[in-house]
Amino acid sequence: MVVDQLRETETDRLFQALADSTRRDIIRRVTGGEYSVSGLAALYAMSFAAVQKHVAVLERASLVTKEKRGREQIVRGNHEGVQEARRLLDEYEQIWRQRADRIARILTEG
């Protein structure tokens, strides 16, 4: 189904974005307050362009939003995107809990 493929693509983007420690750190920082991309770049031992690419990955995954304000691009956390990540992780946790419960039942019956 097209909807399932779309959801899988979005899920891939989300977890790909979260797979990198710099991107997770950027999310942590912008969740507490907005930063300019240049302000973020000053915090990491990498080029401005590299930080800009990390922000772009996070923006495509809907984990941050970016707004042009004057000459600066302001980044802030996207609460809905982080909630979507949590919801997906909760779904996976539920699947594993159900499997663990089934294994426990089999072991107690046997």
C-alpha atoms as a PDB file:
ATOM      1  CA  MET A   1       0.000   0.000   0.000  1.00  0.00           C
ATOM      2  CA  VAL A   2       1.101   3.532  -0.730  1.00  0.00           C
ATOM      3  CA  VAL A   3       0.202   4.692   2.786  1.00  0.00           C
ATOM      4  CA  ASP A   4       2.307   1.919   4.346  1.00  0.00           C
ATOM      5  CA  GLN A   5       5.249   2.740   2.066  1.00  0.00           C
ATOM      6  CA  LEU A   6       4.943   6.412   2.967  1.00  0.00           C
ATOM      7  CA  ARG A   7       4.848   5.565   6.646  1.00  0.00           C
ATOM      8  CA  GLU A   8       7.877   3.289   6.265  1.00  0.00           C
ATOM      9  CA  THR A   9       9.788   6.066   4.503  1.00  0.00           C
ATOM     10  CA  GLU A  10       8.912   8.530   7.253  1.00  0.00           C
ATOM     11  CA  THR A  11       9.877   5.989   9.912  1.00  0.00           C
ATOM     12  CA  ASP A  12      13.212   5.376   8.165  1.00  0.00           C
ATOM     13  CA  ARG A  13      13.873   9.126   8.064  1.00  0.00           C
ATOM     14  CA  LEU A  14      13.026   9.446  11.742  1.00  0.00           C
ATOM     15  CA  PHE A  15      15.277   6.648  12.974  1.00  0.00           C
ATOM     16  CA  GLN A  16      18.058   7.559  10.545  1.00  0.00           C
ATOM     17  CA  ALA A  17      17.998  11.071  12.005  1.00  0.00           C
ATOM     18  CA  LEU A  18      18.107   9.733  15.559  1.00  0.00           C
ATOM     19  CA  ALA A  19      20.945   7.301  14.784  1.00  0.00           C
ATOM     20  CA  ASP A  20      23.599  10.031  14.947  1.00  0.00           C
ATOM     21  CA  SER A  21      24.860  11.392  18.284  1.00  0.00           C
ATOM     22  CA  THR A  22      25.378  14.935  16.958  1.00  0.00           C
ATOM     23  CA  ARG A  23      21.801  15.047  15.699  1.00  0.00           C
ATOM     24  CA  ARG A  24      20.487  13.752  19.033  1.00  0.00           C
ATOM     25  CA  ASP A  25      22.511  16.459  20.776  1.00  0.00           C
ATOM     26  CA  ILE A  26      21.104  19.127  18.464  1.00  0.00           C
ATOM     27  CA  ILE A  27      17.576  17.937  19.283  1.00  0.00           C
ATOM     28  CA  ARG A  28      18.367  18.107  23.012  1.00  0.00           C
ATOM     29  CA  ARG A  29      19.643  21.664  22.647  1.00  0.00           C
ATOM     30  CA  VAL A  30      16.839  23.042  20.464  1.00  0.00           C
ATOM     31  CA  THR A  31      14.161  21.411  22.586  1.00  0.00           C
ATOM     32  CA  GLY A  32      15.279  23.682  25.416  1.00  0.00           C
ATOM     33  CA  GLY A  33      15.334  26.817  23.269  1.00  0.00           C
ATOM     34  CA  GLU A  34      15.892  28.031  19.771  1.00  0.00           C
ATOM     35  CA  TYR A  35      19.355  28.309  18.223  1.00  0.00           C
ATOM     36  CA  SER A  36      20.627  29.785  15.011  1.00  0.00           C
ATOM     37  CA  VAL A  37      22.424  27.329  12.731  1.00  0.00           C
ATOM     38  CA  SER A  38      25.596  29.383  13.176  1.00  0.00           C
ATOM     39  CA  GLY A  39      25.108  29.264  16.966  1.00  0.00           C
ATOM     40  CA  LEU A  40      24.845  25.477  16.778  1.00  0.00           C
ATOM     41  CA  ALA A  41      27.890  25.300  14.514  1.00  0.00           C
ATOM     42  CA  ALA A  42      29.930  27.134  17.167  1.00  0.00           C
ATOM     43  CA  LEU A  43      29.190  24.278  19.605  1.00  0.00           C
ATOM     44  CA  TYR A  44      30.641  21.442  17.526  1.00  0.00           C
ATOM     45  CA  ALA A  45      34.094  20.634  16.197  1.00  0.00           C
ATOM     46  CA  MET A  46      32.886  20.460  12.618  1.00  0.00           C
ATOM     47  CA  SER A  47      32.220  22.850   9.782  1.00  0.00           C
ATOM     48  CA  PHE A  48      29.162  25.072   9.506  1.00  0.00           C
ATOM     49  CA  ALA A  49      28.168  23.100   6.401  1.00  0.00           C
ATOM     50  CA  ALA A  50      28.303  19.810   8.323  1.00  0.00           C
ATOM     51  CA  VAL A  51      26.056  21.191  11.081  1.00  0.00           C
ATOM     52  CA  GLN A  52      23.741  22.588   8.422  1.00  0.00           C
ATOM     53  CA  LYS A  53      23.464  19.091   6.902  1.00  0.00           C
ATOM     54  CA  HIS A  54      22.646  17.590  10.312  1.00  0.00           C
ATOM     55  CA  VAL A  55      19.911  20.192  10.770  1.00  0.00           C
ATOM     56  CA  ALA A  56      18.545  19.401   7.301  1.00  0.00           C
ATOM     57  CA  VAL A  57      18.329  15.684   8.169  1.00  0.00           C
ATOM     58  CA  LEU A  58      16.486  16.552  11.384  1.00  0.00           C
ATOM     59  CA  GLU A  59      14.149  18.883   9.512  1.00  0.00           C
ATOM     60  CA  ARG A  60      13.318  16.198   6.907  1.00  0.00           C
ATOM     61  CA  ALA A  61      12.483  13.844   9.777  1.00  0.00           C
ATOM     62  CA  SER A  62      10.203  16.553  11.277  1.00  0.00           C
ATOM     63  CA  LEU A  63      12.209  16.588  14.501  1.00  0.00           C
ATOM     64  CA  VAL A  64      13.098  20.287  14.182  1.00  0.00           C
ATOM     65  CA  THR A  65      11.753  23.276  12.329  1.00  0.00           C
ATOM     66  CA  LYS A  66      13.853  25.955  10.707  1.00  0.00           C
ATOM     67  CA  GLU A  67      12.804  29.528  10.121  1.00  0.00           C
ATOM     68  CA  LYS A  68      14.687  32.292   8.331  1.00  0.00           C
ATOM     69  CA  ARG A  69      14.937  35.355  10.545  1.00  0.00           C
ATOM     70  CA  GLY A  70      16.897  38.156   8.959  1.00  0.00           C
ATOM     71  CA  ARG A  71      20.242  36.694   7.919  1.00  0.00           C
ATOM     72  CA  GLU A  72      19.989  33.758  10.303  1.00  0.00           C
ATOM     73  CA  GLN A  73      18.223  30.431  10.161  1.00  0.00           C
ATOM     74  CA  ILE A  74      16.622  29.692  13.525  1.00  0.00           C
ATOM     75  CA  VAL A  75      16.195  26.058  14.572  1.00  0.00           C
ATOM     76  CA  ARG A  76      13.765  24.860  17.210  1.00  0.00           C
ATOM     77  CA  GLY A  77      12.536  21.480  18.325  1.00  0.00           C
ATOM     78  CA  ASN A  78       9.338  20.090  16.854  1.00  0.00           C
ATOM     79  CA  HIS A  79       7.381  18.602  19.740  1.00  0.00           C
ATOM     80  CA  GLU A  80       5.055  16.651  17.420  1.00  0.00           C
ATOM     81  CA  GLY A  81       8.005  14.988  15.662  1.00  0.00           C
ATOM     82  CA  VAL A  82       9.541  13.895  18.953  1.00  0.00           C
ATOM     83  CA  GLN A  83       6.154  12.590  20.078  1.00  0.00           C
ATOM     84  CA  GLU A  84       5.893  10.570  16.841  1.00  0.00           C
ATOM     85  CA  ALA A  85       9.278   8.976  17.604  1.00  0.00           C
ATOM     86  CA  ARG A  86       8.075   8.131  21.098  1.00  0.00           C
ATOM     87  CA  ARG A  87       4.831   6.672  19.744  1.00  0.00           C
ATOM     88  CA  LEU A  88       6.758   4.438  17.330  1.00  0.00           C
ATOM     89  CA  LEU A  89       9.094   3.257  20.099  1.00  0.00           C
ATOM     90  CA  ASP A  90       6.070   2.545  22.307  1.00  0.00           C
ATOM     91  CA  GLU A  91       4.636   0.366  19.487  1.00  0.00           C
ATOM     92  CA  TYR A  92       7.894  -1.624  19.276  1.00  0.00           C
ATOM     93  CA  GLU A  93       8.003  -1.964  23.053  1.00  0.00           C
ATOM     94  CA  GLN A  94       4.438  -3.316  23.019  1.00  0.00           C
ATOM     95  CA  ILE A  95       5.376  -5.930  20.389  1.00  0.00           C
ATOM     96  CA  TRP A  96       8.349  -7.114  22.473  1.00  0.00           C
ATOM     97  CA  ARG A  97       6.302  -7.194  25.692  1.00  0.00           C
ATOM     98  CA  GLN A  98       3.666  -9.358  23.981  1.00  0.00           C
ATOM     99  CA  ARG A  99       6.390 -11.727  22.749  1.00  0.00           C
ATOM    100  CA  ALA A 100       7.972 -11.934  26.208  1.00  0.00           C
ATOM    101  CA  ASP A 101       4.562 -12.650  27.732  1.00  0.00           C
ATOM    102  CA  ARG A 102       3.949 -15.467  25.207  1.00  0.00           C
ATOM    103  CA  ILE A 103       7.356 -16.992  25.946  1.00  0.00           C
ATOM    104  CA  ALA A 104       6.667 -16.784  29.711  1.00  0.00           C
ATOM    105  CA  ARG A 105       3.288 -18.513  29.214  1.00  0.00           C
ATOM    106  CA  ILE A 106       4.869 -21.295  27.147  1.00  0.00           C
ATOM    107  CA  LEU A 107       7.557 -21.824  29.783  1.00  0.00           C
ATOM    108  CA  THR A 108       5.044 -22.007  32.646  1.00  0.00           C
ATOM    109  CA  GLU A 109       2.789 -24.418  30.704  1.00  0.00           C
ATOM    110  CA  GLY A 110       5.639 -26.715  29.687  1.00  0.00           C
END
